[in-house]
Amino acid sequence: MTMPNNAPVDTPIPAADPSAPATAQRRLKREVRLALGIAGLAVALTVLAGLEAQREIQEARKDIQKEVAELAASARQGRAIAEQSQGSNKDQEARLLALEGQFATLQGQQLALDGLYRDLSINRVDSVLAEVEQAVAIANQELLLAGDVRMAIRAMEDASRRMERLNQASLLNLRRIIDQDLRRLRAVPLIDVAGMSVRIDNFASAADTLPLAAYARPALPDRAAASAEAAPKGFWARLREQWVAELGMAVRIQRIDAADIPPLLPEQTFFLRQTLKLRLLTARQALLARDEVTFRGDLRTAARWIDSYYDHQDRGVIKLSEALHQMADGATSISLPGVEASLSAVRDARAARGGDTR
């Protein structure tokens, strides 16, 4: 039988060494001690690692407990905040509900106020129109009854100011009419009605005292000048001349050349003077009433009677005649414009709004 080529070749066995067991035993002891040392070191390391791990675990536990405590405090704080938030939310909801109720109430009040304001605005316009009508009526009365232009202008200015403060577009036409009448009143020249009235009263008083032409004495020659030119006379001669002159004055014959001056009886003289005074008083009433036609007509009639029946040799008669002619023919007009257009316009405006125009 053949062996394979790769079969091990028998090697010779060495001979046994008598010191080998002791050496092996010592080697084994060293290995044992080394293993024990390594094992003790491993145990020590394990114990140290366990202690360190336990310490770390303790510290981690403390940290965890601290964090848990902090989390618990945070949770309690969060719960408190949440409770406060809930309370705040409830308060906010209650306040919101209260505000909604107040807002609804305010809306109702606003609507009521709007309606009240509209009513007040309508009533205010009616009230202002009533005041304007009263002011225009006062101006009309001042013009018709007293002829006082100043008071009429004040009343119309008051009406114009009230219309300006009202500032209603629908009443612009009324405001324009009032302003037109006011401009016409301001354009009227101011006349001293009181002074003219006093002068006419003085004229009427003078009508009782001024001499009439029918009873006027003729102009006598200047005896003093004639005596001065004549030769000086004695006492008895001058006394005789004076006695003769006085005796000649007892009976006087006068010739009236004017054909339009009839002789007047005493009772006719009285009625002439009274009628002249009546004419002058009528002229004064026409002046106060601003009736220019009657005023000028009565003054011209009085002046014509003065020229016809009174003595023009008297200085008072001459002055009275000149004054009457000057007043009757004066260029100043005493007629006044009226405010009937404004009064009619404001009454129409009140009637259109349904106001009482009585």
Protein backbone atom coordinates (compact mmCIF):
# COMPACT_ATOMS: atom_id res chain seq x y z
CA MET A 1 0.00 0.00 0.00
CA THR A 2 1.32 3.35 -0.98
CA MET A 3 1.14 6.55 1.19
CA PRO A 4 0.22 9.87 -0.12
CA ASN A 5 2.87 12.38 -0.87
CA ASN A 6 1.61 14.87 1.65
CA ALA A 7 1.60 12.62 4.65
CA PRO A 8 3.47 13.93 7.63
CA VAL A 9 6.87 12.67 8.23
CA ASP A 10 7.41 11.22 11.65
CA THR A 11 9.62 13.46 13.71
CA PRO A 12 11.64 12.30 16.54
CA ILE A 13 10.22 12.87 20.12
CA PRO A 14 12.55 14.84 22.29
CA ALA A 15 13.65 13.44 25.50
CA ALA A 16 11.82 14.51 28.71
CA ASP A 17 13.41 17.32 30.84
CA PRO A 18 13.23 16.66 34.59
CA SER A 19 12.85 20.41 35.42
CA ALA A 20 9.94 21.01 33.08
CA PRO A 21 7.06 20.44 35.56
CA ALA A 22 8.36 22.95 38.05
CA THR A 23 8.84 25.53 35.40
CA ALA A 24 5.35 24.94 34.08
CA GLN A 25 3.93 25.20 37.56
CA ARG A 26 5.64 28.48 38.21
CA ARG A 27 4.47 29.72 34.88
CA LEU A 28 0.97 28.67 35.70
CA LYS A 29 1.07 30.48 39.04
CA ARG A 30 2.24 33.63 37.39
CA GLU A 31 -0.49 33.40 34.88
CA VAL A 32 -2.99 32.73 37.64
CA ARG A 33 -1.77 35.72 39.66
CA LEU A 34 -1.83 37.87 36.54
CA ALA A 35 -5.34 36.69 35.77
CA LEU A 36 -6.40 37.37 39.35
CA GLY A 37 -4.83 40.81 39.24
CA ILE A 38 -6.53 41.54 36.00
CA ALA A 39 -9.77 40.21 37.41
CA GLY A 40 -9.35 42.33 40.60
CA LEU A 41 -8.52 45.35 38.51
CA ALA A 42 -11.54 44.66 36.38
CA VAL A 43 -13.63 44.26 39.51
CA ALA A 44 -12.19 47.45 40.95
CA LEU A 45 -12.79 49.25 37.72
CA THR A 46 -16.27 47.81 37.60
CA VAL A 47 -16.93 48.92 41.15
CA LEU A 48 -15.55 52.36 40.41
CA ALA A 49 -17.59 52.52 37.26
CA GLY A 50 -20.63 51.38 39.19
CA LEU A 51 -20.01 54.01 41.86
CA GLU A 52 -19.51 56.71 39.24
CA ALA A 53 -22.59 55.54 37.42
CA GLN A 54 -24.51 55.54 40.68
CA ARG A 55 -23.25 59.07 41.41
CA GLU A 56 -24.23 60.19 37.94
CA ILE A 57 -27.57 58.49 38.35
CA GLN A 58 -28.05 60.31 41.65
CA GLU A 59 -27.13 63.61 40.06
CA ALA A 60 -29.34 62.88 37.07
CA ARG A 61 -32.11 61.94 39.45
CA LYS A 62 -31.62 65.20 41.33
CA ASP A 63 -31.63 67.10 38.06
CA ILE A 64 -34.69 65.22 36.94
CA GLN A 65 -36.40 65.88 40.27
CA LYS A 66 -35.45 69.54 40.01
CA GLU A 67 -36.73 69.70 36.46
CA VAL A 68 -39.83 67.84 37.50
CA ALA A 69 -40.29 70.32 40.35
CA GLU A 70 -39.73 73.20 37.96
CA LEU A 71 -42.11 71.62 35.48
CA ALA A 72 -44.64 71.14 38.27
CA ALA A 73 -44.23 74.79 39.31
CA SER A 74 -44.51 75.82 35.68
CA ALA A 75 -47.54 73.63 35.34
CA ARG A 76 -49.11 75.17 38.44
CA GLN A 77 -48.24 78.63 37.16
CA GLY A 78 -49.61 77.68 33.78
CA ARG A 79 -52.77 76.38 35.40
CA ALA A 80 -53.03 79.62 37.41
CA ILE A 81 -52.43 81.65 34.25
CA ALA A 82 -54.90 79.48 32.42
CA GLU A 83 -57.41 79.99 35.21
CA GLN A 84 -56.73 83.73 35.14
CA SER A 85 -57.03 83.66 31.38
CA GLN A 86 -60.28 81.84 31.66
CA GLY A 87 -61.46 84.36 34.23
CA SER A 88 -60.24 87.18 32.01
CA ASN A 89 -61.94 85.61 29.04
CA LYS A 90 -65.11 85.34 31.01
CA ASP A 91 -64.74 88.98 32.11
CA GLN A 92 -63.96 89.99 28.55
CA GLU A 93 -66.97 88.07 27.31
CA ALA A 94 -69.13 89.70 29.97
CA ARG A 95 -67.73 93.10 29.11
CA LEU A 96 -68.20 92.40 25.42
CA LEU A 97 -71.78 91.42 26.02
CA ALA A 98 -72.27 94.56 28.12
CA LEU A 99 -70.64 96.68 25.42
CA GLU A 100 -72.82 95.09 22.79
CA GLY A 101 -75.85 95.91 24.90
CA GLN A 102 -74.63 99.47 25.40
CA PHE A 103 -73.88 99.77 21.70
CA ALA A 104 -77.37 98.62 20.85
CA THR A 105 -78.76 101.10 23.38
CA LEU A 106 -76.59 103.88 21.92
CA GLN A 107 -77.75 103.00 18.43
CA GLY A 108 -81.33 103.32 19.56
CA GLN A 109 -80.55 106.60 21.29
CA GLN A 110 -78.72 107.83 18.18
CA LEU A 111 -81.72 107.03 16.03
CA ALA A 112 -83.97 108.79 18.52
CA LEU A 113 -81.61 111.78 18.61
CA ASP A 114 -81.51 111.89 14.81
CA GLY A 115 -85.28 111.98 14.69
CA LEU A 116 -85.37 114.58 17.46
CA TYR A 117 -82.75 116.66 15.65
CA ARG A 118 -84.78 116.54 12.46
CA ASP A 119 -87.85 117.62 14.38
CA LEU A 120 -85.89 120.36 16.14
CA SER A 121 -84.39 121.48 12.84
CA ILE A 122 -87.84 121.76 11.31
CA ASN A 123 -89.15 123.55 14.40
CA ARG A 124 -86.07 125.83 14.40
CA VAL A 125 -86.69 126.89 10.81
CA ASP A 126 -90.34 127.59 11.62
CA SER A 127 -89.32 129.52 14.74
CA VAL A 128 -86.76 131.62 12.85
CA LEU A 129 -89.30 132.35 10.11
CA ALA A 130 -91.77 133.50 12.75
CA GLU A 131 -89.12 135.80 14.25
CA VAL A 132 -88.23 137.14 10.81
CA GLU A 133 -91.89 137.84 10.08
CA GLN A 134 -92.22 139.68 13.39
CA ALA A 135 -89.12 141.80 12.64
CA VAL A 136 -90.37 142.69 9.15
CA ALA A 137 -93.82 143.51 10.56
CA ILE A 138 -92.18 145.84 13.12
CA ALA A 139 -90.25 147.56 10.32
CA ASN A 140 -93.48 147.97 8.35
CA GLN A 141 -95.25 149.48 11.37
CA GLU A 142 -92.39 151.89 12.02
CA LEU A 143 -92.56 153.09 8.41
CA LEU A 144 -96.34 153.40 8.20
CA LEU A 145 -97.15 154.75 11.66
CA ALA A 146 -94.07 156.66 12.82
CA GLY A 147 -92.05 157.09 9.63
CA ASP A 148 -88.94 156.12 11.62
CA VAL A 149 -86.41 154.91 9.05
CA ARG A 150 -83.74 154.13 11.64
CA MET A 151 -85.94 151.74 13.60
CA ALA A 152 -87.15 150.13 10.36
CA ILE A 153 -83.53 149.59 9.26
CA ARG A 154 -82.68 148.01 12.62
CA ALA A 155 -85.65 145.65 12.39
CA MET A 156 -84.77 144.66 8.81
CA GLU A 157 -81.10 144.14 9.76
CA ASP A 158 -82.25 141.84 12.57
CA ALA A 159 -84.36 139.87 10.07
CA SER A 160 -81.41 139.66 7.65
CA ARG A 161 -79.06 138.38 10.39
CA ARG A 162 -81.54 135.69 11.39
CA MET A 163 -81.87 134.56 7.78
CA GLU A 164 -78.08 134.51 7.44
CA ARG A 165 -77.68 132.30 10.54
CA LEU A 166 -80.45 129.99 9.27
CA ASN A 167 -78.59 129.42 5.97
CA GLN A 168 -81.31 127.40 4.21
CA ALA A 169 -80.95 126.95 0.45
CA SER A 170 -84.73 126.81 0.03
CA LEU A 171 -85.06 130.29 1.57
CA LEU A 172 -82.50 132.11 -0.60
CA ASN A 173 -85.24 133.97 -2.50
CA LEU A 174 -86.72 135.26 0.77
CA ARG A 175 -83.30 136.37 1.94
CA ARG A 176 -82.71 138.18 -1.37
CA ILE A 177 -86.03 140.06 -1.09
CA ILE A 178 -85.26 141.12 2.50
CA ASP A 179 -81.80 142.37 1.48
CA GLN A 180 -83.31 144.36 -1.41
CA ASP A 181 -85.79 146.12 0.89
CA LEU A 182 -82.99 146.77 3.39
CA ARG A 183 -80.84 148.38 0.68
CA ARG A 184 -83.74 150.62 -0.36
CA LEU A 185 -84.24 151.75 3.23
CA ARG A 186 -80.53 152.49 3.65
CA ALA A 187 -80.60 154.58 0.47
CA VAL A 188 -83.33 156.88 1.87
CA PRO A 189 -81.85 160.27 2.89
CA LEU A 190 -82.33 161.00 6.55
CA ILE A 191 -84.82 163.82 7.21
CA ASP A 192 -85.16 165.73 10.46
CA VAL A 193 -88.84 164.98 10.82
CA ALA A 194 -88.90 166.10 14.44
CA GLY A 195 -87.27 169.44 13.59
CA MET A 196 -89.64 170.06 10.68
CA SER A 197 -92.59 169.19 12.90
CA VAL A 198 -91.45 171.72 15.52
CA ARG A 199 -91.06 174.40 12.83
CA ILE A 200 -94.60 173.77 11.57
CA ASP A 201 -95.90 174.07 15.14
CA ASN A 202 -94.12 177.42 15.41
CA PHE A 203 -95.70 178.50 12.11
CA ALA A 204 -99.14 177.62 13.48
CA SER A 205 -98.47 179.62 16.64
CA ALA A 206 -97.31 182.63 14.61
CA ALA A 207 -100.55 182.58 12.60
CA ASP A 208 -102.41 184.00 15.64
CA THR A 209 -100.07 186.94 16.15
CA LEU A 210 -98.96 188.10 12.71
CA PRO A 211 -100.85 191.11 11.29
CA LEU A 212 -103.36 190.81 8.49
CA ALA A 213 -103.17 192.95 5.36
CA ALA A 214 -106.73 194.21 5.87
CA TYR A 215 -105.81 195.76 9.22
CA ALA A 216 -102.27 196.89 8.45
CA ARG A 217 -101.35 200.50 9.18
CA PRO A 218 -99.91 202.49 6.31
CA ALA A 219 -96.34 203.57 6.55
CA LEU A 220 -96.11 207.03 8.08
CA PRO A 221 -93.47 209.60 7.15
CA ASP A 222 -90.57 209.99 9.43
CA ARG A 223 -91.70 212.97 11.52
CA ALA A 224 -88.45 213.11 13.43
CA ALA A 225 -86.43 213.57 10.21
CA ALA A 226 -88.87 216.19 8.95
CA SER A 227 -88.69 218.04 12.24
CA ALA A 228 -84.90 217.93 12.16
CA GLU A 229 -84.83 219.44 8.67
CA ALA A 230 -87.37 222.15 9.52
CA ALA A 231 -86.46 225.28 11.41
CA PRO A 232 -86.54 224.95 15.16
CA LYS A 233 -89.92 225.85 16.65
CA GLY A 234 -91.01 226.84 20.04
CA PHE A 235 -92.64 224.70 22.67
CA TRP A 236 -96.19 225.78 21.92
CA ALA A 237 -95.71 225.30 18.20
CA ARG A 238 -94.46 221.72 18.66
CA LEU A 239 -97.30 220.97 21.08
CA ARG A 240 -99.86 222.19 18.57
CA GLU A 241 -98.39 220.04 15.79
CA GLN A 242 -98.43 216.93 17.96
CA TRP A 243 -102.04 217.61 18.99
CA VAL A 244 -103.09 218.00 15.38
CA ALA A 245 -101.26 214.77 14.40
CA GLU A 246 -102.91 212.75 17.16
CA LEU A 247 -106.30 214.14 16.25
CA GLY A 248 -105.70 213.13 12.65
CA MET A 249 -104.93 209.54 13.71
CA ALA A 250 -108.33 209.15 15.34
CA VAL A 251 -109.97 208.69 11.94
CA ARG A 252 -107.95 206.81 9.29
CA ILE A 253 -108.93 206.22 5.68
CA GLN A 254 -106.89 203.52 3.84
CA ARG A 255 -107.04 202.55 0.20
CA ILE A 256 -106.30 198.92 -0.75
CA ASP A 257 -104.98 198.69 -4.30
CA ALA A 258 -104.86 194.83 -4.42
CA ALA A 259 -108.15 193.49 -5.78
CA ASP A 260 -107.72 189.98 -4.27
CA ILE A 261 -107.64 191.14 -0.64
CA PRO A 262 -111.26 191.48 0.47
CA PRO A 263 -112.09 193.24 3.70
CA LEU A 264 -112.55 190.88 6.64
CA LEU A 265 -114.92 191.10 9.53
CA PRO A 266 -113.58 190.23 13.01
CA GLU A 267 -115.28 186.80 13.02
CA GLN A 268 -113.89 186.13 9.54
CA THR A 269 -110.44 187.01 10.82
CA PHE A 270 -110.82 184.44 13.59
CA PHE A 271 -111.87 181.68 11.17
CA LEU A 272 -109.06 182.63 8.76
CA ARG A 273 -106.45 182.23 11.47
CA GLN A 274 -107.97 178.96 12.73
CA THR A 275 -108.22 177.51 9.23
CA LEU A 276 -104.61 178.44 8.54
CA LYS A 277 -103.55 176.75 11.77
CA LEU A 278 -105.59 173.68 10.81
CA ARG A 279 -103.84 173.54 7.43
CA LEU A 280 -100.45 173.70 9.10
CA LEU A 281 -101.36 170.98 11.62
CA THR A 282 -102.64 168.79 8.79
CA ALA A 283 -99.32 169.31 7.01
CA ARG A 284 -97.54 168.23 10.19
CA GLN A 285 -99.63 165.06 10.39
CA ALA A 286 -98.88 164.34 6.72
CA LEU A 287 -95.18 164.84 7.47
CA LEU A 288 -95.29 162.27 10.27
CA ALA A 289 -97.28 159.89 8.05
CA ARG A 290 -94.82 160.45 5.15
CA ASP A 291 -97.71 161.58 2.93
CA GLU A 292 -95.73 163.85 0.65
CA VAL A 293 -98.65 164.92 -1.56
CA THR A 294 -100.80 166.13 1.35
CA PHE A 295 -97.78 167.66 3.09
CA ARG A 296 -96.74 169.81 0.14
CA GLY A 297 -100.32 170.68 -0.81
CA ASP A 298 -101.20 171.96 2.68
CA LEU A 299 -97.97 173.95 2.93
CA ARG A 300 -98.56 175.59 -0.45
CA THR A 301 -102.14 176.44 0.53
CA ALA A 302 -100.93 177.96 3.82
CA ALA A 303 -98.24 179.94 1.97
CA ARG A 304 -100.84 181.24 -0.52
CA TRP A 305 -103.09 182.39 2.33
CA ILE A 306 -100.15 184.11 4.02
CA ASP A 307 -99.36 185.90 0.77
CA SER A 308 -103.02 186.84 0.23
CA TYR A 309 -104.26 187.89 3.67
CA TYR A 310 -101.25 188.84 5.78
CA ASP A 311 -99.34 192.09 5.81
CA HIS A 312 -96.13 191.78 3.82
CA GLN A 313 -94.75 194.94 5.31
CA ASP A 314 -94.22 192.96 8.54
CA ARG A 315 -90.87 191.20 8.84
CA GLY A 316 -92.41 188.17 10.61
CA VAL A 317 -94.89 187.64 7.75
CA ILE A 318 -92.08 187.85 5.21
CA LYS A 319 -90.01 185.25 7.09
CA LEU A 320 -93.01 182.95 7.53
CA SER A 321 -93.89 183.13 3.82
CA GLU A 322 -90.31 182.39 2.77
CA ALA A 323 -90.07 179.46 5.18
CA LEU A 324 -93.35 177.93 3.97
CA HIS A 325 -92.37 178.25 0.30
CA GLN A 326 -88.94 176.79 0.99
CA MET A 327 -90.37 173.82 2.89
CA ALA A 328 -93.15 173.19 0.37
CA ASP A 329 -90.87 173.36 -2.67
CA GLY A 330 -87.88 171.60 -1.10
CA ALA A 331 -86.08 168.95 -3.16
CA THR A 332 -85.98 166.46 -0.30
CA SER A 333 -88.54 163.70 -0.63
CA ILE A 334 -90.30 162.52 2.51
CA SER A 335 -91.89 159.42 0.95
CA LEU A 336 -90.51 156.11 2.16
CA PRO A 337 -90.17 152.73 0.45
CA GLY A 338 -92.22 149.94 1.92
CA VAL A 339 -91.28 146.43 3.04
CA GLU A 340 -94.50 144.80 1.89
CA ALA A 341 -92.55 142.55 -0.50
CA SER A 342 -90.51 141.09 2.37
CA LEU A 343 -93.58 140.69 4.56
CA SER A 344 -95.48 138.91 1.80
CA ALA A 345 -92.48 136.68 0.97
CA VAL A 346 -91.92 135.54 4.57
CA ARG A 347 -95.62 134.82 5.00
CA ASP A 348 -95.62 132.77 1.80
CA ALA A 349 -92.56 130.84 3.05
CA ARG A 350 -94.29 130.06 6.35
CA ALA A 351 -97.47 129.04 4.54
CA ALA A 352 -95.46 126.69 2.29
CA ARG A 353 -94.02 125.00 5.42
CA GLY A 354 -97.41 124.77 7.04
CA GLY A 355 -96.68 127.44 9.65
CA ASP A 356 -99.19 129.76 11.28
CA THR A 357 -99.05 133.11 9.46
CA ARG A 358 -101.61 134.94 11.54
